């Protein structure tokens, strides 16, 4: 029942090759580890932090604080990619992190999000990283 976004594997591999430390922050439960493993994606991430583990759900900043501690990266050097304007983009930006909103063409546009923060596909992240 789970579908890997087109280009996700390649994007994650190239981010790893680029030396980026990556983790998952999700409003999901402990089944997420198995889902990521079954989709052959888990090995890309140093940690998987679910709201069930953290005790807080996005957009609560405490889940992002915990993720930053796990990664050892300060907020100004961290980026969060998500598909929800409030729980992902705004919450990450409120923590001082870079934020990117995954929005397919035709999905609603948020007026406060600069166009360079919108990713039509996950693969578009690579072009931003390589700049």
N, C-alpha and C. Protein backbone atom coordinates (compact mmCIF):
# COMPACT_ATOMS: atom_id res chain seq x y z
N UNK A 1 0.80 -1.22 0.00
CA UNK A 1 0.00 0.00 0.00
C UNK A 1 0.84 1.27 0.00
N UNK A 2 2.15 1.13 -0.01
CA UNK A 2 3.03 2.30 0.02
C UNK A 2 3.69 2.47 -1.34
N UNK A 3 3.81 3.71 -1.76
CA UNK A 3 4.39 4.01 -3.05
C UNK A 3 5.58 4.95 -2.86
N UNK A 4 6.69 4.60 -3.47
CA UNK A 4 7.88 5.45 -3.41
C UNK A 4 7.75 6.51 -4.51
N UNK A 5 7.96 7.75 -4.14
CA UNK A 5 7.87 8.83 -5.12
C UNK A 5 8.91 8.64 -6.22
N UNK A 6 8.56 8.95 -7.45
CA UNK A 6 9.53 8.85 -8.54
C UNK A 6 10.78 9.69 -8.22
N UNK A 7 11.93 9.10 -8.41
CA UNK A 7 13.19 9.79 -8.17
C UNK A 7 13.64 9.82 -6.73
N UNK A 8 12.86 9.26 -5.81
CA UNK A 8 13.20 9.33 -4.39
C UNK A 8 14.51 8.59 -4.09
N UNK A 9 14.64 7.38 -4.59
CA UNK A 9 15.85 6.60 -4.32
C UNK A 9 17.10 7.30 -4.81
N UNK A 10 17.06 7.78 -6.03
CA UNK A 10 18.22 8.47 -6.61
C UNK A 10 18.52 9.75 -5.84
N UNK A 11 17.49 10.51 -5.51
CA UNK A 11 17.69 11.76 -4.77
C UNK A 11 18.33 11.49 -3.42
N UNK A 12 17.81 10.51 -2.70
CA UNK A 12 18.36 10.17 -1.38
C UNK A 12 19.79 9.66 -1.49
N UNK A 13 20.06 8.84 -2.49
CA UNK A 13 21.42 8.33 -2.69
C UNK A 13 22.39 9.47 -2.95
N UNK A 14 22.00 10.40 -3.81
CA UNK A 14 22.89 11.51 -4.13
C UNK A 14 23.10 12.44 -2.94
N UNK A 15 22.07 12.60 -2.11
CA UNK A 15 22.23 13.39 -0.89
C UNK A 15 23.22 12.72 0.05
N UNK A 16 23.11 11.41 0.19
CA UNK A 16 24.06 10.66 1.03
C UNK A 16 25.47 10.79 0.48
N UNK A 17 25.63 10.64 -0.83
CA UNK A 17 26.94 10.76 -1.46
C UNK A 17 27.52 12.16 -1.26
N UNK A 18 26.63 13.14 -1.15
CA UNK A 18 27.06 14.52 -0.93
C UNK A 18 27.41 14.81 0.51
N UNK A 19 27.28 13.83 1.37
CA UNK A 19 27.66 14.00 2.76
C UNK A 19 26.58 14.56 3.66
N UNK A 20 25.36 14.63 3.17
CA UNK A 20 24.28 15.16 3.99
C UNK A 20 23.85 14.13 5.03
N UNK A 21 23.62 14.59 6.25
CA UNK A 21 23.09 13.74 7.31
C UNK A 21 21.57 13.83 7.21
N UNK A 22 20.93 12.69 7.11
CA UNK A 22 19.48 12.71 6.88
C UNK A 22 18.74 11.88 7.91
N UNK A 23 17.55 12.36 8.21
CA UNK A 23 16.65 11.65 9.10
C UNK A 23 15.22 11.85 8.64
N UNK A 24 14.34 11.09 9.23
CA UNK A 24 12.91 11.19 8.93
C UNK A 24 12.23 11.73 10.18
N UNK A 25 11.37 12.73 10.01
CA UNK A 25 10.54 13.26 11.07
C UNK A 25 9.11 13.12 10.59
N UNK A 26 8.32 12.29 11.28
CA UNK A 26 7.01 11.96 10.76
C UNK A 26 5.95 11.86 11.85
N UNK A 27 4.74 12.29 11.51
CA UNK A 27 3.59 12.09 12.38
C UNK A 27 3.01 10.72 12.09
N UNK A 28 3.79 9.70 12.38
CA UNK A 28 3.40 8.32 12.13
C UNK A 28 3.77 7.52 13.37
N UNK A 29 3.61 6.23 13.32
CA UNK A 29 3.94 5.40 14.47
C UNK A 29 5.15 4.52 14.15
N UNK A 30 5.46 3.62 15.05
CA UNK A 30 6.68 2.82 14.93
C UNK A 30 6.71 1.88 13.73
N UNK A 31 5.61 1.71 13.03
CA UNK A 31 5.61 0.89 11.82
C UNK A 31 6.43 1.52 10.70
N UNK A 32 6.74 2.80 10.84
CA UNK A 32 7.44 3.51 9.77
C UNK A 32 8.81 2.90 9.47
N UNK A 33 9.51 2.43 10.49
CA UNK A 33 10.81 1.78 10.25
C UNK A 33 10.66 0.63 9.25
N UNK A 34 9.66 -0.22 9.47
CA UNK A 34 9.43 -1.36 8.57
C UNK A 34 8.99 -0.91 7.19
N UNK A 35 8.14 0.10 7.13
CA UNK A 35 7.69 0.60 5.82
C UNK A 35 8.88 1.09 5.02
N UNK A 36 9.75 1.87 5.65
CA UNK A 36 10.93 2.39 4.94
C UNK A 36 11.86 1.25 4.51
N UNK A 37 12.01 0.24 5.35
CA UNK A 37 12.84 -0.91 4.99
C UNK A 37 12.25 -1.67 3.82
N UNK A 38 10.94 -1.90 3.85
CA UNK A 38 10.28 -2.62 2.76
C UNK A 38 10.35 -1.86 1.45
N UNK A 39 10.41 -0.54 1.53
CA UNK A 39 10.52 0.28 0.32
C UNK A 39 11.98 0.52 -0.08
N UNK A 40 12.91 -0.14 0.63
CA UNK A 40 14.35 -0.02 0.37
C UNK A 40 14.84 1.43 0.49
N UNK A 41 14.34 2.12 1.51
CA UNK A 41 14.74 3.51 1.72
C UNK A 41 15.40 3.74 3.08
N UNK A 42 15.20 2.84 4.02
CA UNK A 42 15.65 3.06 5.40
C UNK A 42 17.15 3.33 5.51
N UNK A 43 17.95 2.66 4.69
CA UNK A 43 19.41 2.79 4.79
C UNK A 43 19.93 4.19 4.48
N UNK A 44 19.09 5.04 3.90
CA UNK A 44 19.51 6.41 3.59
C UNK A 44 19.53 7.31 4.82
N UNK A 45 18.84 6.89 5.88
CA UNK A 45 18.60 7.78 7.01
C UNK A 45 19.34 7.35 8.26
N UNK A 46 19.91 8.33 8.96
CA UNK A 46 20.59 8.07 10.22
C UNK A 46 19.59 7.75 11.33
N UNK A 47 18.44 8.37 11.26
CA UNK A 47 17.42 8.14 12.28
C UNK A 47 16.03 8.28 11.68
N UNK A 48 15.07 7.66 12.36
CA UNK A 48 13.66 7.82 12.04
C UNK A 48 12.98 8.23 13.33
N UNK A 49 12.41 9.41 13.34
CA UNK A 49 11.75 9.95 14.53
C UNK A 49 10.26 10.11 14.24
N UNK A 50 9.46 9.31 14.89
CA UNK A 50 8.01 9.41 14.73
C UNK A 50 7.42 10.21 15.87
N UNK A 51 6.24 10.74 15.66
CA UNK A 51 5.56 11.47 16.72
C UNK A 51 5.28 10.55 17.90
N UNK A 52 5.08 9.27 17.63
CA UNK A 52 4.87 8.31 18.70
C UNK A 52 6.12 8.21 19.58
N UNK A 53 7.30 8.14 18.97
CA UNK A 53 8.56 8.08 19.72
C UNK A 53 8.85 9.39 20.46
N UNK A 54 8.62 10.50 19.78
CA UNK A 54 8.98 11.81 20.33
C UNK A 54 8.02 12.26 21.42
N UNK A 55 6.77 11.81 21.32
CA UNK A 55 5.76 12.29 22.26
C UNK A 55 5.15 13.61 21.82
N UNK A 56 5.52 14.08 20.65
CA UNK A 56 5.00 15.32 20.09
C UNK A 56 4.81 15.13 18.59
N UNK A 57 3.81 15.79 18.05
CA UNK A 57 3.55 15.69 16.62
C UNK A 57 3.82 17.05 15.96
N UNK A 58 4.25 17.00 14.70
CA UNK A 58 4.38 18.23 13.94
C UNK A 58 3.00 18.89 13.88
N UNK A 59 2.88 20.15 14.06
CA UNK A 59 3.89 21.20 13.95
C UNK A 59 4.56 21.58 15.28
N UNK A 60 4.37 20.82 16.33
CA UNK A 60 5.02 21.12 17.62
C UNK A 60 6.53 21.16 17.42
N UNK A 61 7.14 22.27 17.77
CA UNK A 61 8.56 22.46 17.56
C UNK A 61 9.44 21.48 18.32
N UNK A 62 8.91 20.86 19.36
CA UNK A 62 9.74 19.94 20.15
C UNK A 62 10.16 18.71 19.35
N UNK A 63 9.35 18.28 18.38
CA UNK A 63 9.76 17.14 17.55
C UNK A 63 10.95 17.53 16.66
N UNK A 64 10.94 18.78 16.18
CA UNK A 64 12.06 19.27 15.38
C UNK A 64 13.31 19.46 16.25
N UNK A 65 13.12 19.95 17.48
CA UNK A 65 14.26 20.08 18.40
C UNK A 65 14.92 18.72 18.63
N UNK A 66 14.10 17.71 18.82
CA UNK A 66 14.64 16.36 19.04
C UNK A 66 15.38 15.87 17.80
N UNK A 67 14.82 16.12 16.63
CA UNK A 67 15.48 15.72 15.38
C UNK A 67 16.82 16.44 15.21
N UNK A 68 16.86 17.72 15.55
CA UNK A 68 18.11 18.47 15.45
C UNK A 68 19.15 17.91 16.42
N UNK A 69 18.73 17.54 17.62
CA UNK A 69 19.67 16.92 18.57
C UNK A 69 20.20 15.59 18.02
N UNK A 70 19.30 14.78 17.46
CA UNK A 70 19.71 13.49 16.90
C UNK A 70 20.69 13.66 15.74
N UNK A 71 20.49 14.69 14.96
CA UNK A 71 21.34 14.90 13.79
C UNK A 71 22.64 15.61 14.15
N UNK A 72 22.64 16.36 15.24
CA UNK A 72 23.81 17.14 15.60
C UNK A 72 24.03 18.33 14.68
N UNK A 73 22.96 18.78 14.05
CA UNK A 73 23.04 19.88 13.09
C UNK A 73 22.26 21.08 13.65
N UNK A 74 22.85 22.28 13.62
CA UNK A 74 22.11 23.46 14.08
C UNK A 74 20.99 23.79 13.10
N UNK A 75 19.92 24.44 13.58
CA UNK A 75 18.76 24.70 12.72
C UNK A 75 19.09 25.46 11.44
N UNK A 76 20.01 26.40 11.51
CA UNK A 76 20.32 27.20 10.31
C UNK A 76 21.05 26.40 9.24
N UNK A 77 21.53 25.21 9.59
CA UNK A 77 22.19 24.33 8.61
C UNK A 77 21.32 23.12 8.26
N UNK A 78 20.10 23.12 8.77
CA UNK A 78 19.19 21.99 8.54
C UNK A 78 18.08 22.39 7.58
N UNK A 79 17.59 21.41 6.85
CA UNK A 79 16.45 21.64 5.95
C UNK A 79 15.43 20.53 6.18
N UNK A 80 14.17 20.90 6.04
CA UNK A 80 13.09 19.93 6.17
C UNK A 80 12.28 19.97 4.88
N UNK A 81 12.02 18.80 4.33
CA UNK A 81 11.20 18.68 3.12
C UNK A 81 9.91 17.98 3.53
N UNK A 82 8.78 18.56 3.21
CA UNK A 82 7.50 17.95 3.54
C UNK A 82 6.42 18.40 2.59
N UNK A 83 5.26 17.79 2.74
CA UNK A 83 4.16 18.10 1.81
C UNK A 83 3.01 18.85 2.46
N UNK A 84 3.16 19.23 3.72
CA UNK A 84 2.09 19.94 4.42
C UNK A 84 2.59 21.34 4.80
N UNK A 85 1.85 22.34 4.36
CA UNK A 85 2.27 23.72 4.58
C UNK A 85 2.46 24.03 6.07
N UNK A 86 1.49 23.69 6.90
CA UNK A 86 1.55 24.05 8.32
C UNK A 86 2.46 23.13 9.11
N UNK A 87 2.27 21.82 8.97
CA UNK A 87 3.02 20.86 9.79
C UNK A 87 4.47 20.71 9.36
N UNK A 88 4.75 20.96 8.11
CA UNK A 88 6.11 20.78 7.62
C UNK A 88 6.80 22.12 7.36
N UNK A 89 6.33 22.84 6.38
CA UNK A 89 7.03 24.05 5.94
C UNK A 89 7.07 25.12 7.03
N UNK A 90 5.91 25.55 7.48
CA UNK A 90 5.87 26.63 8.48
C UNK A 90 6.53 26.21 9.78
N UNK A 91 6.30 24.97 10.22
CA UNK A 91 6.87 24.50 11.48
C UNK A 91 8.40 24.49 11.42
N UNK A 92 8.97 24.02 10.32
CA UNK A 92 10.43 24.00 10.17
C UNK A 92 10.98 25.42 10.13
N UNK A 93 10.34 26.28 9.39
CA UNK A 93 10.79 27.67 9.28
C UNK A 93 10.73 28.36 10.64
N UNK A 94 9.72 28.06 11.44
CA UNK A 94 9.59 28.65 12.77
C UNK A 94 10.74 28.24 13.69
N UNK A 95 11.35 27.09 13.40
CA UNK A 95 12.48 26.60 14.19
C UNK A 95 13.81 27.16 13.68
N UNK A 96 13.77 27.96 12.60
CA UNK A 96 14.99 28.51 12.04
C UNK A 96 15.63 27.61 11.01
N UNK A 97 14.92 26.58 10.58
CA UNK A 97 15.42 25.65 9.58
C UNK A 97 15.03 26.14 8.18
N UNK A 98 15.72 25.64 7.19
CA UNK A 98 15.29 25.84 5.82
C UNK A 98 14.09 24.92 5.60
N UNK A 99 13.16 25.35 4.80
CA UNK A 99 11.98 24.53 4.54
C UNK A 99 11.70 24.44 3.06
N UNK A 100 11.28 23.26 2.64
CA UNK A 100 10.88 23.04 1.26
C UNK A 100 9.55 22.33 1.26
N UNK A 101 8.68 22.76 0.39
CA UNK A 101 7.33 22.20 0.30
C UNK A 101 7.20 21.41 -0.99
N UNK A 102 6.95 20.13 -0.84
CA UNK A 102 6.77 19.24 -1.98
C UNK A 102 5.34 19.42 -2.50
N UNK A 103 5.21 20.00 -3.67
CA UNK A 103 3.90 20.28 -4.25
C UNK A 103 3.88 19.90 -5.71
N UNK A 104 3.08 18.94 -6.07
CA UNK A 104 2.94 18.56 -7.48
C UNK A 104 2.24 19.69 -8.23
N UNK A 105 2.49 19.75 -9.51
CA UNK A 105 1.84 20.76 -10.35
C UNK A 105 0.33 20.64 -10.20
N UNK A 106 -0.33 21.77 -10.04
CA UNK A 106 -1.77 21.77 -9.91
C UNK A 106 -2.25 21.73 -8.47
N UNK A 107 -1.38 21.38 -7.53
CA UNK A 107 -1.77 21.43 -6.13
C UNK A 107 -1.82 22.88 -5.70
N UNK A 108 -2.53 23.14 -4.61
CA UNK A 108 -2.68 24.49 -4.12
C UNK A 108 -1.35 25.17 -3.84
N UNK A 109 -1.29 26.43 -4.11
CA UNK A 109 -0.08 27.21 -3.85
C UNK A 109 -0.30 28.07 -2.61
N UNK A 110 0.69 28.12 -1.76
CA UNK A 110 0.63 28.96 -0.57
C UNK A 110 1.31 30.28 -0.91
N UNK A 111 0.61 31.40 -0.74
CA UNK A 111 1.19 32.69 -1.16
C UNK A 111 2.44 33.09 -0.41
N UNK A 112 2.62 32.61 0.82
CA UNK A 112 3.78 33.02 1.62
C UNK A 112 5.03 32.19 1.31
N UNK A 113 4.92 31.20 0.45
CA UNK A 113 6.06 30.34 0.16
C UNK A 113 6.76 30.84 -1.11
N UNK A 114 8.02 31.26 -0.99
CA UNK A 114 8.74 31.69 -2.19
C UNK A 114 8.83 30.54 -3.19
N UNK A 115 8.76 30.85 -4.47
CA UNK A 115 8.80 29.79 -5.49
C UNK A 115 10.00 28.87 -5.38
N UNK A 116 11.14 29.40 -4.92
CA UNK A 116 12.34 28.57 -4.80
C UNK A 116 12.25 27.58 -3.63
N UNK A 117 11.22 27.70 -2.81
CA UNK A 117 11.00 26.75 -1.71
C UNK A 117 9.99 25.66 -2.08
N UNK A 118 9.47 25.73 -3.30
CA UNK A 118 8.49 24.74 -3.78
C UNK A 118 9.23 23.70 -4.62
N UNK A 119 9.02 22.44 -4.30
CA UNK A 119 9.61 21.34 -5.07
C UNK A 119 8.48 20.61 -5.81
N UNK A 120 8.42 20.73 -7.13
CA UNK A 120 7.39 19.99 -7.87
C UNK A 120 7.58 18.48 -7.75
N UNK A 121 8.84 18.04 -7.64
CA UNK A 121 9.16 16.63 -7.40
C UNK A 121 10.35 16.61 -6.43
N UNK A 122 10.57 15.48 -5.81
CA UNK A 122 11.70 15.34 -4.90
C UNK A 122 13.02 15.52 -5.63
N UNK A 123 13.07 15.13 -6.89
CA UNK A 123 14.29 15.28 -7.69
C UNK A 123 14.72 16.74 -7.83
N UNK A 124 13.79 17.67 -7.72
CA UNK A 124 14.13 19.09 -7.82
C UNK A 124 15.03 19.53 -6.67
N UNK A 125 15.05 18.79 -5.59
CA UNK A 125 15.93 19.10 -4.46
C UNK A 125 17.39 19.06 -4.88
N UNK A 126 17.73 18.13 -5.76
CA UNK A 126 19.12 17.98 -6.21
C UNK A 126 19.65 19.25 -6.85
N UNK A 127 18.83 19.91 -7.66
CA UNK A 127 19.27 21.13 -8.33
C UNK A 127 19.57 22.23 -7.30
N UNK A 128 18.78 22.27 -6.23
CA UNK A 128 19.00 23.28 -5.19
C UNK A 128 20.27 22.96 -4.39
N UNK A 129 20.50 21.71 -4.13
CA UNK A 129 21.66 21.29 -3.36
C UNK A 129 22.95 21.53 -4.14
N UNK A 130 22.89 21.31 -5.43
CA UNK A 130 24.08 21.42 -6.26
C UNK A 130 24.47 22.87 -6.56
N UNK A 131 23.63 23.83 -6.17
CA UNK A 131 23.95 25.25 -6.38
C UNK A 131 25.00 25.71 -5.39
